[in-house]
Amino acid sequence: MSKSVDDLKLAITGESNATKRYLAFAEAADGENLPNVAYLFRALSEAEQIHIRNHRQALGEAFEVTEDEAKVGTTLQNIEAAIAGETYENMKMYPGFIKDVKKELKTDQGKMAALSMQWAMKVELVHENLLKKALVAVQAGHDFEINKLWLCTICGNLFIEAQSTEACSVCGHDSKYYKEQG
């Protein structure tokens, strides 16, 4: 699984850097009196940590992540940068990684890697769409209107509303795995 191992390491590194970047973006949003955008960025950071956990489990080995410096701008710039990152992941990075993994799918590790990457790819699209809604609000001079966010602790999917009878639209797990973001 050498190509897939490399892909998993790249995915873990990217998600680790996104986690730190989103926390820095949340602080910037707080500083601009945009608490709901900050709330969204913190939820995104926690969701990315779930991707890291899933990818690490599929990888099955430890390695050192290369950390990038988080470049922080205005909240508007930060949202735009986050959208670009999420779009890249769901449109290019993960689809390419999934192709690599499917070539090497003969092992349980390969199957776990493919599932982890498929979940992450689908969730990154959800993240992108939430960020686009936040962008529209901030461009209009407002905070993002949101009451509560729920996180699927299995795949990192984010929900604006959660109902106890719903299953996650990405991984299919029951709502008992949802965690209200606070």
N, C-alpha and C. Protein backbone atom coordinates (compact mmCIF):
# COMPACT_ATOMS: atom_id res chain seq x y z
N MET A 1 0.82 -1.21 0.00
CA MET A 1 0.00 0.00 0.00
C MET A 1 0.85 1.26 0.00
N SER A 2 1.98 1.28 -0.62
CA SER A 2 2.89 2.41 -0.49
C SER A 2 2.30 3.73 -0.98
N LYS A 3 1.64 3.75 -2.13
CA LYS A 3 1.04 5.00 -2.62
C LYS A 3 -0.09 5.43 -1.68
N SER A 4 -0.89 4.48 -1.23
CA SER A 4 -1.98 4.79 -0.31
C SER A 4 -1.45 5.27 1.03
N VAL A 5 -0.35 4.70 1.48
CA VAL A 5 0.27 5.15 2.74
C VAL A 5 0.71 6.60 2.59
N ASP A 6 1.34 6.92 1.48
CA ASP A 6 1.75 8.30 1.23
C ASP A 6 0.53 9.24 1.19
N ASP A 7 -0.53 8.78 0.53
CA ASP A 7 -1.76 9.58 0.45
C ASP A 7 -2.35 9.81 1.84
N LEU A 8 -2.39 8.77 2.65
CA LEU A 8 -2.91 8.93 4.01
C LEU A 8 -2.08 9.93 4.81
N LYS A 9 -0.78 9.85 4.67
CA LYS A 9 0.09 10.80 5.39
C LYS A 9 -0.15 12.22 4.91
N LEU A 10 -0.32 12.40 3.60
CA LEU A 10 -0.63 13.74 3.08
C LEU A 10 -1.99 14.22 3.59
N ALA A 11 -2.97 13.33 3.62
CA ALA A 11 -4.30 13.70 4.11
C ALA A 11 -4.25 14.08 5.58
N ILE A 12 -3.54 13.32 6.38
CA ILE A 12 -3.41 13.61 7.81
C ILE A 12 -2.72 14.96 8.01
N THR A 13 -1.67 15.19 7.25
CA THR A 13 -0.94 16.46 7.36
C THR A 13 -1.85 17.63 6.97
N GLY A 14 -2.57 17.49 5.87
CA GLY A 14 -3.47 18.56 5.43
C GLY A 14 -4.57 18.83 6.43
N GLU A 15 -5.16 17.77 6.97
CA GLU A 15 -6.24 17.94 7.95
C GLU A 15 -5.71 18.53 9.25
N SER A 16 -4.49 18.14 9.65
CA SER A 16 -3.88 18.69 10.86
C SER A 16 -3.65 20.19 10.73
N ASN A 17 -3.15 20.59 9.57
CA ASN A 17 -2.93 22.02 9.34
C ASN A 17 -4.25 22.78 9.25
N ALA A 18 -5.27 22.17 8.66
CA ALA A 18 -6.59 22.81 8.60
C ALA A 18 -7.17 23.01 9.99
N THR A 19 -6.97 22.03 10.86
CA THR A 19 -7.46 22.14 12.24
C THR A 19 -6.89 23.37 12.92
N LYS A 20 -5.60 23.53 12.83
CA LYS A 20 -4.94 24.68 13.46
C LYS A 20 -5.34 26.00 12.79
N ARG A 21 -5.43 25.97 11.47
CA ARG A 21 -5.81 27.17 10.72
C ARG A 21 -7.22 27.61 11.10
N TYR A 22 -8.15 26.66 11.20
CA TYR A 22 -9.53 27.01 11.55
C TYR A 22 -9.64 27.59 12.95
N LEU A 23 -8.82 27.11 13.88
CA LEU A 23 -8.83 27.70 15.22
C LEU A 23 -8.31 29.14 15.18
N ALA A 24 -7.30 29.38 14.37
CA ALA A 24 -6.78 30.75 14.21
C ALA A 24 -7.83 31.63 13.54
N PHE A 25 -8.55 31.09 12.56
CA PHE A 25 -9.61 31.83 11.88
C PHE A 25 -10.75 32.15 12.86
N ALA A 26 -11.03 31.24 13.77
CA ALA A 26 -12.07 31.48 14.78
C ALA A 26 -11.69 32.66 15.66
N GLU A 27 -10.44 32.72 16.07
CA GLU A 27 -9.99 33.85 16.89
C GLU A 27 -10.13 35.17 16.13
N ALA A 28 -9.80 35.17 14.86
CA ALA A 28 -9.94 36.38 14.04
C ALA A 28 -11.40 36.79 13.95
N ALA A 29 -12.29 35.82 13.76
CA ALA A 29 -13.73 36.12 13.67
C ALA A 29 -14.25 36.67 15.00
N ASP A 30 -13.78 36.11 16.10
CA ASP A 30 -14.15 36.66 17.41
C ASP A 30 -13.71 38.12 17.53
N GLY A 31 -12.51 38.40 17.04
CA GLY A 31 -11.97 39.75 17.09
C GLY A 31 -12.74 40.73 16.22
N GLU A 32 -13.46 40.23 15.22
CA GLU A 32 -14.28 41.07 14.35
C GLU A 32 -15.75 41.03 14.76
N ASN A 33 -16.01 40.53 15.95
CA ASN A 33 -17.38 40.43 16.49
C ASN A 33 -18.30 39.63 15.57
N LEU A 34 -17.78 38.48 15.13
CA LEU A 34 -18.55 37.54 14.31
C LEU A 34 -18.57 36.19 15.04
N PRO A 35 -19.27 36.12 16.17
CA PRO A 35 -19.21 34.91 16.99
C PRO A 35 -19.74 33.65 16.31
N ASN A 36 -20.71 33.79 15.42
CA ASN A 36 -21.23 32.59 14.75
C ASN A 36 -20.27 32.06 13.70
N VAL A 37 -19.55 32.95 13.04
CA VAL A 37 -18.52 32.49 12.11
C VAL A 37 -17.41 31.80 12.91
N ALA A 38 -17.05 32.38 14.06
CA ALA A 38 -16.05 31.74 14.92
C ALA A 38 -16.53 30.36 15.37
N TYR A 39 -17.79 30.25 15.72
CA TYR A 39 -18.40 28.98 16.12
C TYR A 39 -18.29 27.96 14.98
N LEU A 40 -18.58 28.39 13.76
CA LEU A 40 -18.45 27.52 12.60
C LEU A 40 -17.02 27.04 12.43
N PHE A 41 -16.06 27.96 12.52
CA PHE A 41 -14.66 27.57 12.35
C PHE A 41 -14.21 26.58 13.43
N ARG A 42 -14.68 26.76 14.66
CA ARG A 42 -14.32 25.80 15.72
C ARG A 42 -14.93 24.43 15.46
N ALA A 43 -16.16 24.42 14.97
CA ALA A 43 -16.81 23.15 14.62
C ALA A 43 -16.07 22.47 13.47
N LEU A 44 -15.66 23.25 12.48
CA LEU A 44 -14.90 22.70 11.36
C LEU A 44 -13.58 22.10 11.85
N SER A 45 -12.93 22.78 12.78
CA SER A 45 -11.69 22.27 13.33
C SER A 45 -11.90 20.92 14.00
N GLU A 46 -12.96 20.80 14.76
CA GLU A 46 -13.24 19.52 15.42
C GLU A 46 -13.58 18.43 14.39
N ALA A 47 -14.29 18.81 13.34
CA ALA A 47 -14.62 17.84 12.29
C ALA A 47 -13.36 17.33 11.60
N GLU A 48 -12.42 18.23 11.35
CA GLU A 48 -11.16 17.83 10.71
C GLU A 48 -10.38 16.87 11.61
N GLN A 49 -10.50 17.04 12.92
CA GLN A 49 -9.83 16.13 13.85
C GLN A 49 -10.39 14.71 13.71
N ILE A 50 -11.66 14.60 13.40
CA ILE A 50 -12.26 13.28 13.19
C ILE A 50 -11.68 12.66 11.92
N HIS A 51 -11.48 13.46 10.89
CA HIS A 51 -10.84 12.93 9.68
C HIS A 51 -9.44 12.42 10.01
N ILE A 52 -8.71 13.19 10.80
CA ILE A 52 -7.36 12.77 11.20
C ILE A 52 -7.42 11.43 11.93
N ARG A 53 -8.33 11.32 12.89
CA ARG A 53 -8.47 10.07 13.65
C ARG A 53 -8.74 8.89 12.71
N ASN A 54 -9.69 9.07 11.80
CA ASN A 54 -10.04 7.99 10.87
C ASN A 54 -8.87 7.63 9.95
N HIS A 55 -8.18 8.64 9.44
CA HIS A 55 -7.04 8.39 8.56
C HIS A 55 -5.90 7.70 9.32
N ARG A 56 -5.65 8.15 10.55
CA ARG A 56 -4.59 7.53 11.35
C ARG A 56 -4.91 6.07 11.65
N GLN A 57 -6.18 5.80 11.93
CA GLN A 57 -6.59 4.42 12.18
C GLN A 57 -6.36 3.56 10.93
N ALA A 58 -6.67 4.09 9.78
CA ALA A 58 -6.45 3.36 8.53
C ALA A 58 -4.96 3.19 8.26
N LEU A 59 -4.17 4.20 8.58
CA LEU A 59 -2.73 4.15 8.35
C LEU A 59 -2.07 3.10 9.24
N GLY A 60 -2.44 3.09 10.51
CA GLY A 60 -1.92 2.08 11.43
C GLY A 60 -0.48 2.27 11.86
N GLU A 61 0.06 3.46 11.65
CA GLU A 61 1.43 3.73 12.09
C GLU A 61 1.54 5.21 12.45
N ALA A 62 2.48 5.52 13.31
CA ALA A 62 2.70 6.91 13.73
C ALA A 62 3.71 7.57 12.79
N PHE A 63 3.56 8.86 12.64
CA PHE A 63 4.55 9.65 11.90
C PHE A 63 4.40 11.11 12.32
N GLU A 64 5.43 11.89 12.08
CA GLU A 64 5.43 13.30 12.44
C GLU A 64 4.77 14.13 11.33
N VAL A 65 3.85 14.96 11.71
CA VAL A 65 3.16 15.83 10.77
C VAL A 65 3.99 17.10 10.60
N THR A 66 4.16 17.51 9.36
CA THR A 66 4.83 18.77 9.06
C THR A 66 3.80 19.89 9.20
N GLU A 67 4.08 20.80 10.12
CA GLU A 67 3.12 21.88 10.38
C GLU A 67 3.44 23.10 9.53
N ASP A 68 2.40 23.64 8.92
CA ASP A 68 2.50 24.89 8.18
C ASP A 68 2.08 26.03 9.11
N GLU A 69 2.60 27.20 8.83
CA GLU A 69 2.17 28.38 9.59
C GLU A 69 0.79 28.80 9.09
N ALA A 70 -0.12 29.03 10.03
CA ALA A 70 -1.47 29.45 9.67
C ALA A 70 -1.43 30.91 9.24
N LYS A 71 -1.81 31.17 7.99
CA LYS A 71 -1.88 32.55 7.50
C LYS A 71 -3.29 33.05 7.76
N VAL A 72 -3.38 34.08 8.57
CA VAL A 72 -4.67 34.61 8.98
C VAL A 72 -4.84 36.01 8.42
N GLY A 73 -5.99 36.23 7.79
CA GLY A 73 -6.33 37.55 7.26
C GLY A 73 -7.59 38.04 7.93
N THR A 74 -8.37 38.79 7.20
CA THR A 74 -9.67 39.20 7.71
C THR A 74 -10.59 37.98 7.69
N THR A 75 -11.69 38.06 8.38
CA THR A 75 -12.61 36.93 8.38
C THR A 75 -13.10 36.63 6.97
N LEU A 76 -13.36 37.66 6.19
CA LEU A 76 -13.78 37.44 4.81
C LEU A 76 -12.70 36.68 4.04
N GLN A 77 -11.46 37.10 4.17
CA GLN A 77 -10.35 36.41 3.50
C GLN A 77 -10.20 34.98 4.01
N ASN A 78 -10.39 34.81 5.31
CA ASN A 78 -10.25 33.47 5.91
C ASN A 78 -11.34 32.53 5.41
N ILE A 79 -12.55 33.03 5.29
CA ILE A 79 -13.63 32.18 4.75
C ILE A 79 -13.32 31.80 3.31
N GLU A 80 -12.87 32.76 2.53
CA GLU A 80 -12.52 32.47 1.13
C GLU A 80 -11.41 31.43 1.04
N ALA A 81 -10.40 31.56 1.90
CA ALA A 81 -9.30 30.58 1.92
C ALA A 81 -9.81 29.21 2.34
N ALA A 82 -10.70 29.17 3.32
CA ALA A 82 -11.25 27.89 3.78
C ALA A 82 -12.08 27.23 2.68
N ILE A 83 -12.87 28.02 1.96
CA ILE A 83 -13.66 27.47 0.85
C ILE A 83 -12.72 26.88 -0.21
N ALA A 84 -11.66 27.59 -0.53
CA ALA A 84 -10.71 27.09 -1.52
C ALA A 84 -10.10 25.77 -1.06
N GLY A 85 -9.75 25.66 0.22
CA GLY A 85 -9.17 24.43 0.75
C GLY A 85 -10.15 23.27 0.72
N GLU A 86 -11.38 23.53 1.15
CA GLU A 86 -12.40 22.47 1.17
C GLU A 86 -12.74 22.03 -0.25
N THR A 87 -12.79 22.97 -1.18
CA THR A 87 -13.08 22.64 -2.58
C THR A 87 -11.98 21.78 -3.16
N TYR A 88 -10.73 22.15 -2.91
CA TYR A 88 -9.60 21.36 -3.39
C TYR A 88 -9.69 19.93 -2.85
N GLU A 89 -9.98 19.80 -1.56
CA GLU A 89 -10.03 18.46 -0.97
C GLU A 89 -11.14 17.60 -1.56
N ASN A 90 -12.34 18.19 -1.72
CA ASN A 90 -13.45 17.35 -2.18
C ASN A 90 -13.48 17.17 -3.70
N MET A 91 -12.82 18.05 -4.44
CA MET A 91 -12.84 17.94 -5.90
C MET A 91 -11.59 17.29 -6.49
N LYS A 92 -10.45 17.45 -5.84
CA LYS A 92 -9.20 16.96 -6.42
C LYS A 92 -8.46 15.99 -5.51
N MET A 93 -8.15 16.43 -4.30
CA MET A 93 -7.28 15.63 -3.43
C MET A 93 -7.89 14.27 -3.12
N TYR A 94 -9.05 14.26 -2.48
CA TYR A 94 -9.63 12.98 -2.09
C TYR A 94 -10.02 12.10 -3.28
N PRO A 95 -10.59 12.64 -4.35
CA PRO A 95 -10.87 11.75 -5.49
C PRO A 95 -9.61 11.05 -6.01
N GLY A 96 -8.49 11.77 -6.07
CA GLY A 96 -7.24 11.15 -6.50
C GLY A 96 -6.75 10.11 -5.52
N PHE A 97 -6.83 10.41 -4.24
CA PHE A 97 -6.40 9.45 -3.22
C PHE A 97 -7.27 8.19 -3.26
N ILE A 98 -8.56 8.38 -3.45
CA ILE A 98 -9.47 7.23 -3.48
C ILE A 98 -9.13 6.31 -4.66
N LYS A 99 -8.78 6.90 -5.81
CA LYS A 99 -8.36 6.08 -6.96
C LYS A 99 -7.14 5.24 -6.61
N ASP A 100 -6.18 5.87 -5.93
CA ASP A 100 -4.97 5.15 -5.53
C ASP A 100 -5.31 4.00 -4.59
N VAL A 101 -6.15 4.27 -3.61
CA VAL A 101 -6.50 3.26 -2.62
C VAL A 101 -7.26 2.10 -3.26
N LYS A 102 -8.15 2.41 -4.19
CA LYS A 102 -8.93 1.35 -4.83
C LYS A 102 -8.05 0.39 -5.62
N LYS A 103 -6.93 0.88 -6.12
CA LYS A 103 -5.98 0.00 -6.81
C LYS A 103 -5.35 -0.99 -5.83
N GLU A 104 -5.29 -0.61 -4.57
CA GLU A 104 -4.62 -1.42 -3.55
C GLU A 104 -5.62 -1.93 -2.50
N LEU A 105 -6.86 -2.11 -2.90
CA LEU A 105 -7.95 -2.39 -1.97
C LEU A 105 -7.98 -3.82 -1.45
N LYS A 106 -7.00 -4.59 -1.70
CA LYS A 106 -7.02 -6.01 -1.38
C LYS A 106 -6.96 -6.31 0.12
N THR A 107 -6.53 -5.36 0.93
CA THR A 107 -6.38 -5.59 2.37
C THR A 107 -7.46 -4.87 3.16
N ASP A 108 -7.61 -5.26 4.40
CA ASP A 108 -8.53 -4.55 5.30
C ASP A 108 -8.08 -3.11 5.49
N GLN A 109 -6.77 -2.91 5.55
CA GLN A 109 -6.24 -1.55 5.69
C GLN A 109 -6.64 -0.70 4.48
N GLY A 110 -6.58 -1.26 3.30
CA GLY A 110 -6.97 -0.54 2.09
C GLY A 110 -8.44 -0.18 2.10
N LYS A 111 -9.27 -1.12 2.54
CA LYS A 111 -10.71 -0.85 2.62
C LYS A 111 -11.01 0.23 3.65
N MET A 112 -10.31 0.20 4.78
CA MET A 112 -10.50 1.22 5.81
C MET A 112 -10.05 2.59 5.29
N ALA A 113 -8.94 2.61 4.56
CA ALA A 113 -8.43 3.87 4.00
C ALA A 113 -9.42 4.43 2.99
N ALA A 114 -9.97 3.58 2.14
CA ALA A 114 -10.93 4.05 1.13
C ALA A 114 -12.17 4.62 1.80
N LEU A 115 -12.67 3.95 2.81
CA LEU A 115 -13.86 4.43 3.51
C LEU A 115 -13.58 5.76 4.21
N SER A 116 -12.46 5.85 4.88
CA SER A 116 -12.09 7.09 5.57
C SER A 116 -12.00 8.26 4.58
N MET A 117 -11.40 8.01 3.44
CA MET A 117 -11.24 9.06 2.44
C MET A 117 -12.57 9.41 1.76
N GLN A 118 -13.41 8.41 1.53
CA GLN A 118 -14.73 8.70 0.95
C GLN A 118 -15.57 9.55 1.89
N TRP A 119 -15.56 9.21 3.18
CA TRP A 119 -16.30 10.02 4.15
C TRP A 119 -15.75 11.44 4.17
N ALA A 120 -14.43 11.57 4.24
CA ALA A 120 -13.82 12.89 4.30
C ALA A 120 -14.18 13.72 3.06
N MET A 121 -14.12 13.10 1.89
CA MET A 121 -14.44 13.82 0.65
C MET A 121 -15.87 14.36 0.69
N LYS A 122 -16.82 13.52 1.10
CA LYS A 122 -18.21 13.95 1.16
C LYS A 122 -18.42 15.03 2.22
N VAL A 123 -17.76 14.88 3.35
CA VAL A 123 -17.91 15.86 4.43
C VAL A 123 -17.29 17.20 4.03
N GLU A 124 -16.19 17.18 3.30
CA GLU A 124 -15.56 18.44 2.88
C GLU A 124 -16.52 19.25 2.01
N LEU A 125 -17.36 18.60 1.24
CA LEU A 125 -18.37 19.31 0.45
C LEU A 125 -19.39 19.98 1.37
N VAL A 126 -19.79 19.30 2.41
CA VAL A 126 -20.71 19.90 3.40
C VAL A 126 -20.05 21.12 4.03
N HIS A 127 -18.80 20.98 4.41
CA HIS A 127 -18.06 22.10 5.00
C HIS A 127 -18.00 23.28 4.03
N GLU A 128 -17.69 22.98 2.78
CA GLU A 128 -17.63 24.02 1.75
C GLU A 128 -18.96 24.76 1.66
N ASN A 129 -20.07 24.03 1.65
CA ASN A 129 -21.38 24.67 1.54
C ASN A 129 -21.72 25.53 2.75
N LEU A 130 -21.36 25.08 3.94
CA LEU A 130 -21.57 25.90 5.14
C LEU A 130 -20.74 27.18 5.06
N LEU A 131 -19.51 27.04 4.62
CA LEU A 131 -18.64 28.22 4.50
C LEU A 131 -19.16 29.20 3.45
N LYS A 132 -19.74 28.69 2.38
CA LYS A 132 -20.31 29.58 1.36
C LYS A 132 -21.48 30.38 1.93
N LYS A 133 -22.27 29.77 2.79
CA LYS A 133 -23.36 30.49 3.44
C LYS A 133 -22.81 31.56 4.38
N ALA A 134 -21.76 31.23 5.09
CA ALA A 134 -21.12 32.20 5.97
C ALA A 134 -20.53 33.35 5.15
N LEU A 135 -19.96 33.03 4.00
CA LEU A 135 -19.38 34.06 3.13
C LEU A 135 -20.43 35.07 2.70
N VAL A 136 -21.59 34.59 2.28
CA VAL A 136 -22.66 35.48 1.85
C VAL A 136 -23.04 36.43 2.98
N ALA A 137 -23.15 35.90 4.18
CA ALA A 137 -23.53 36.74 5.33
C ALA A 137 -22.46 37.80 5.61
N VAL A 138 -21.21 37.39 5.64
CA VAL A 138 -20.13 38.33 5.96
C VAL A 138 -19.98 39.36 4.84
N GLN A 139 -20.14 38.96 3.60
CA GLN A 139 -20.09 39.92 2.49
C GLN A 139 -21.19 40.97 2.61
N ALA A 140 -22.31 40.58 3.21
CA ALA A 140 -23.43 41.51 3.40
C ALA A 140 -23.28 42.32 4.69
N GLY A 141 -22.19 42.10 5.40
CA GLY A 141 -21.94 42.86 6.63
C GLY A 141 -22.60 42.29 7.87
N HIS A 142 -22.93 41.01 7.82
CA HIS A 142 -23.61 40.36 8.94
C HIS A 142 -22.82 39.15 9.42
N ASP A 143 -23.19 38.69 10.61
CA ASP A 143 -22.67 37.43 11.10
C ASP A 143 -23.49 36.30 10.46
N PHE A 144 -22.93 35.13 10.43
CA PHE A 144 -23.60 33.93 9.92
C PHE A 144 -24.73 33.59 10.88
N GLU A 145 -25.95 33.45 10.37
CA GLU A 145 -27.08 33.12 11.23
C GLU A 145 -27.15 31.62 11.43
N ILE A 146 -26.87 31.21 12.64
CA ILE A 146 -26.87 29.79 12.98
C ILE A 146 -27.13 29.66 14.47
N ASN A 147 -27.97 28.72 14.84
CA ASN A 147 -28.25 28.51 16.25
C ASN A 147 -27.36 27.43 16.84
N LYS A 148 -27.42 26.25 16.24
CA LYS A 148 -26.64 25.12 16.74
C LYS A 148 -26.06 24.33 15.59
N LEU A 149 -24.88 23.81 15.82
CA LEU A 149 -24.26 22.86 14.90
C LEU A 149 -24.09 21.54 15.62
N TRP A 150 -24.32 20.48 14.90
CA TRP A 150 -24.13 19.13 15.41
C TRP A 150 -23.05 18.46 14.57
N LEU A 151 -22.23 17.68 15.23
CA LEU A 151 -21.11 17.00 14.58
C LEU A 151 -21.32 15.50 14.66
N CYS A 152 -21.20 14.81 13.55
CA CYS A 152 -21.19 13.35 13.56
C CYS A 152 -19.79 12.93 14.00
N THR A 153 -19.70 12.27 15.13
CA THR A 153 -18.40 11.91 15.68
C THR A 153 -17.75 10.72 14.96
N ILE A 154 -18.46 10.16 14.00
CA ILE A 154 -17.91 9.04 13.23
C ILE A 154 -17.18 9.55 11.98
N CYS A 155 -17.80 10.49 11.25
CA CYS A 155 -17.22 10.93 9.97
C CYS A 155 -16.87 12.42 9.91
N GLY A 156 -17.33 13.22 10.86
CA GLY A 156 -17.03 14.65 10.84
C GLY A 156 -18.05 15.49 10.11
N ASN A 157 -19.16 14.90 9.71
CA ASN A 157 -20.22 15.66 9.04
C ASN A 157 -20.80 16.68 10.03
N LEU A 158 -21.17 17.83 9.51
CA LEU A 158 -21.78 18.88 10.34
C LEU A 158 -23.21 19.09 9.90
N PHE A 159 -24.08 19.27 10.88
CA PHE A 159 -25.50 19.50 10.65
C PHE A 159 -25.90 20.79 11.32
N ILE A 160 -26.74 21.57 10.66
CA ILE A 160 -27.30 22.75 11.30
C ILE A 160 -28.40 22.34 12.26
N GLU A 161 -29.15 21.37 11.89
CA GLU A 161 -30.21 20.83 12.75
C GLU A 161 -29.98 19.33 12.88
N ALA A 162 -30.27 18.79 14.03
CA ALA A 162 -30.15 17.34 14.20
C ALA A 162 -31.44 16.82 14.83
N GLN A 163 -31.93 15.76 14.28
CA GLN A 163 -33.11 15.12 14.83
C GLN A 163 -32.72 13.73 15.30
N SER A 164 -33.30 13.33 16.40
CA SER A 164 -32.90 12.07 17.02
C SER A 164 -33.16 10.85 16.15
N THR A 165 -34.04 10.96 15.16
CA THR A 165 -34.35 9.79 14.32
C THR A 165 -33.54 9.75 13.04
N GLU A 166 -32.77 10.78 12.75
CA GLU A 166 -32.03 10.82 11.50
C GLU A 166 -30.71 10.07 11.59
N ALA A 167 -30.32 9.49 10.48
CA ALA A 167 -28.99 8.90 10.35
C ALA A 167 -28.12 9.91 9.59
N CYS A 168 -26.84 9.86 9.84
CA CYS A 168 -25.91 10.75 9.15
C CYS A 168 -25.99 10.51 7.65
N SER A 169 -26.08 11.58 6.90
CA SER A 169 -26.20 11.48 5.44
C SER A 169 -24.90 11.02 4.77
N VAL A 170 -23.78 11.06 5.49
CA VAL A 170 -22.51 10.64 4.91
C VAL A 170 -22.16 9.21 5.29
N CYS A 171 -22.13 8.92 6.58
CA CYS A 171 -21.69 7.59 7.01
C CYS A 171 -22.82 6.65 7.39
N GLY A 172 -24.04 7.20 7.54
CA GLY A 172 -25.19 6.37 7.85
C GLY A 172 -25.35 6.00 9.31
N HIS A 173 -24.47 6.50 10.16
CA HIS A 173 -24.57 6.17 11.58
C HIS A 173 -25.73 6.92 12.23
N ASP A 174 -26.25 6.31 13.27
CA ASP A 174 -27.39 6.83 14.02
C ASP A 174 -27.05 8.16 14.69
N SER A 175 -28.07 8.93 14.96
CA SER A 175 -27.90 10.25 15.58
C SER A 175 -27.33 10.18 16.99
N LYS A 176 -27.25 9.01 17.61
CA LYS A 176 -26.63 8.91 18.93
C LYS A 176 -25.14 9.27 18.85
N TYR A 177 -24.59 9.30 17.65
CA TYR A 177 -23.20 9.66 17.46
C TYR A 177 -23.02 11.16 17.17
N TYR A 178 -24.10 11.92 17.22
CA TYR A 178 -24.03 13.37 17.02
C TYR A 178 -23.59 14.03 18.31
N LYS A 179 -22.81 15.06 18.17
CA LYS A 179 -22.37 15.85 19.33
C LYS A 179 -22.69 17.30 19.05
N GLU A 180 -23.42 17.92 19.97
CA GLU A 180 -23.72 19.33 19.82
C GLU A 180 -22.44 20.13 20.03
N GLN A 181 -22.20 21.06 19.13
CA GLN A 181 -21.02 21.90 19.23
C GLN A 181 -21.30 23.05 20.19
N GLY A 182 -20.34 23.37 20.99
CA GLY A 182 -20.60 24.40 21.99
C GLY A 182 -19.61 25.42 22.10
